[in-house]
C-alpha atoms as a PDB file:
ATOM      1  CA  MET A   1      17.327  58.646 -26.987  1.00  0.00           C
ATOM      2  CA  LEU A   2      13.681  57.993 -26.140  1.00  0.00           C
ATOM      3  CA  VAL A   3      11.652  59.233 -28.853  1.00  0.00           C
ATOM      4  CA  MET A   4       7.784  58.369 -28.379  1.00  0.00           C
ATOM      5  CA  ARG A   5       4.347  59.030 -30.456  1.00  0.00           C
ATOM      6  CA  PHE A   6       1.724  56.758 -29.720  1.00  0.00           C
ATOM      7  CA  SER A   7      -1.507  58.463 -31.785  1.00  0.00           C
ATOM      8  CA  ALA A   8      -2.890  57.529 -35.632  1.00  0.00           C
ATOM      9  CA  LEU A   9      -1.352  55.611 -37.799  1.00  0.00           C
ATOM     10  CA  GLY A  10      -0.779  58.242 -40.096  1.00  0.00           C
ATOM     11  CA  ASP A  11       0.209  60.115 -37.698  1.00  0.00           C
ATOM     12  CA  VAL A  12       3.326  57.718 -36.425  1.00  0.00           C
ATOM     13  CA  ALA A  13       3.813  57.295 -40.086  1.00  0.00           C
ATOM     14  CA  LEU A  14       4.798  61.172 -40.663  1.00  0.00           C
ATOM     15  CA  THR A  15       7.536  61.087 -37.866  1.00  0.00           C
ATOM     16  CA  ILE A  16       9.088  58.283 -40.069  1.00  0.00           C
ATOM     17  CA  PRO A  17      11.266  59.879 -42.509  1.00  0.00           C
ATOM     18  CA  VAL A  18      12.398  62.707 -39.842  1.00  0.00           C
ATOM     19  CA  VAL A  19      13.483  59.981 -36.960  1.00  0.00           C
ATOM     20  CA  TYR A  20      14.930  58.084 -39.614  1.00  0.00           C
ATOM     21  CA  GLU A  21      17.309  61.723 -40.628  1.00  0.00           C
ATOM     22  CA  VAL A  22      18.184  62.126 -36.872  1.00  0.00           C
ATOM     23  CA  CYS A  23      19.511  58.961 -36.566  1.00  0.00           C
ATOM     24  CA  ARG A  24      21.603  58.916 -39.822  1.00  0.00           C
ATOM     25  CA  ALA A  25      22.892  62.231 -38.652  1.00  0.00           C
ATOM     26  CA  ASN A  26      23.400  61.298 -35.046  1.00  0.00           C
ATOM     27  CA  PRO A  27      24.846  57.836 -35.647  1.00  0.00           C
ATOM     28  CA  ASP A  28      26.740  57.989 -32.457  1.00  0.00           C
ATOM     29  CA  VAL A  29      23.369  58.359 -30.590  1.00  0.00           C
ATOM     30  CA  GLU A  30      21.158  55.188 -29.588  1.00  0.00           C
ATOM     31  CA  PHE A  31      17.575  55.560 -30.419  1.00  0.00           C
ATOM     32  CA  VAL A  32      14.896  54.102 -29.401  1.00  0.00           C
ATOM     33  CA  PHE A  33      10.960  54.677 -31.364  1.00  0.00           C
ATOM     34  CA  ALA A  34       8.624  53.404 -28.582  1.00  0.00           C
ATOM     35  CA  THR A  35       5.178  53.287 -30.664  1.00  0.00           C
ATOM     36  CA  MET A  36       1.950  51.231 -30.414  1.00  0.00           C
ATOM     37  CA  THR A  37       2.172  47.933 -32.079  1.00  0.00           C
ATOM     38  CA  TRP A  38       0.747  48.646 -35.447  1.00  0.00           C
ATOM     39  CA  PRO A  39       2.769  51.367 -36.579  1.00  0.00           C
ATOM     40  CA  ALA A  40       6.077  49.360 -35.653  1.00  0.00           C
ATOM     41  CA  THR A  41       5.646  47.255 -38.680  1.00  0.00           C
ATOM     42  CA  MET A  42       6.177  50.033 -40.396  1.00  0.00           C
ATOM     43  CA  MET A  43       9.196  50.744 -39.271  1.00  0.00           C
ATOM     44  CA  VAL A  44      11.117  49.083 -42.415  1.00  0.00           C
ATOM     45  CA  ASP A  45      14.720  49.635 -43.015  1.00  0.00           C
ATOM     46  CA  ALA A  46      15.510  51.162 -39.754  1.00  0.00           C
ATOM     47  CA  PRO A  47      19.056  53.173 -39.304  1.00  0.00           C
ATOM     48  CA  ALA A  48      21.085  50.901 -37.166  1.00  0.00           C
ATOM     49  CA  ASN A  49      21.016  52.967 -34.076  1.00  0.00           C
ATOM     50  CA  LEU A  50      17.656  52.684 -33.891  1.00  0.00           C
ATOM     51  CA  THR A  51      15.631  50.242 -31.975  1.00  0.00           C
ATOM     52  CA  VAL A  52      11.775  50.154 -32.262  1.00  0.00           C
ATOM     53  CA  VAL A  53       9.841  49.053 -29.699  1.00  0.00           C
ATOM     54  CA  ASP A  54       5.997  48.233 -29.757  1.00  0.00           C
ATOM     55  CA  VAL A  55       3.740  48.711 -26.804  1.00  0.00           C
ATOM     56  CA  ASP A  56       0.324  47.706 -26.139  1.00  0.00           C
ATOM     57  CA  VAL A  57      -1.038  51.503 -24.913  1.00  0.00           C
ATOM     58  CA  LYS A  58      -4.822  50.196 -24.977  1.00  0.00           C
ATOM     59  CA  GLY A  59      -3.404  46.946 -23.132  1.00  0.00           C
ATOM     60  CA  ARG A  60      -0.834  46.528 -20.675  1.00  0.00           C
ATOM     61  CA  TYR A  61       0.277  49.745 -20.720  1.00  0.00           C
ATOM     62  CA  LYS A  62      -2.952  51.514 -20.205  1.00  0.00           C
ATOM     63  CA  GLY A  63      -3.227  55.024 -18.303  1.00  0.00           C
ATOM     64  CA  LEU A  64      -0.884  56.383 -15.471  1.00  0.00           C
ATOM     65  CA  ARG A  65      -0.397  53.258 -14.516  1.00  0.00           C
ATOM     66  CA  GLY A  66       0.707  51.509 -17.360  1.00  0.00           C
ATOM     67  CA  MET A  67       2.697  54.421 -18.610  1.00  0.00           C
ATOM     68  CA  TRP A  68       4.830  54.015 -14.825  1.00  0.00           C
ATOM     69  CA  LYS A  69       5.237  50.054 -16.589  1.00  0.00           C
ATOM     70  CA  LEU A  70       6.880  50.953 -19.679  1.00  0.00           C
ATOM     71  CA  ALA A  71       8.923  53.555 -18.039  1.00  0.00           C
ATOM     72  CA  LYS A  72      10.482  50.627 -15.928  1.00  0.00           C
ATOM     73  CA  LYS A  73      10.594  48.351 -18.757  1.00  0.00           C
ATOM     74  CA  VAL A  74      12.897  50.817 -20.992  1.00  0.00           C
ATOM     75  CA  ASP A  75      14.741  51.994 -18.047  1.00  0.00           C
ATOM     76  CA  LYS A  76      15.654  47.847 -17.360  1.00  0.00           C
ATOM     77  CA  HIS A  77      16.995  47.312 -21.309  1.00  0.00           C
ATOM     78  CA  PHE A  78      18.064  51.070 -22.475  1.00  0.00           C
ATOM     79  CA  HIS A  79      19.897  53.552 -21.211  1.00  0.00           C
ATOM     80  CA  VAL A  80      17.622  56.414 -21.704  1.00  0.00           C
ATOM     81  CA  ASP A  81      19.830  60.089 -21.335  1.00  0.00           C
ATOM     82  CA  ALA A  82      16.779  61.876 -23.125  1.00  0.00           C
ATOM     83  CA  VAL A  83      12.951  61.353 -24.215  1.00  0.00           C
ATOM     84  CA  ALA A  84      11.422  63.603 -27.281  1.00  0.00           C
ATOM     85  CA  ASP A  85       7.528  63.206 -26.897  1.00  0.00           C
ATOM     86  CA  LEU A  86       6.590  63.732 -30.748  1.00  0.00           C
ATOM     87  CA  HIS A  87       2.563  64.008 -29.366  1.00  0.00           C
ATOM     88  CA  SER A  88       3.172  66.776 -27.492  1.00  0.00           C
ATOM     89  CA  VAL A  89       1.286  64.931 -24.685  1.00  0.00           C
ATOM     90  CA  ILE A  90       2.460  64.770 -20.987  1.00  0.00           C
ATOM     91  CA  ARG A  91       2.758  60.973 -19.756  1.00  0.00           C
END
């Protein structure tokens, strides 16, 4: 499952406990958390089934074309069956 949150530092920080608990409650599911580079550094002591991917949304992955590149990268490296966009923005 791919989980995305590309907003302010505080918004990402608020999602961390929830994402960790969902990961712990579903140990047989592999989770990928995609967020901006700075908030990604807050993901310490992550559950074993959680991979954190830092994404430069203001540079390499900016705009629609950037999101397309990101989708191709994620598809190449991870098997994603579901996506949870915690920002409620269509990307």
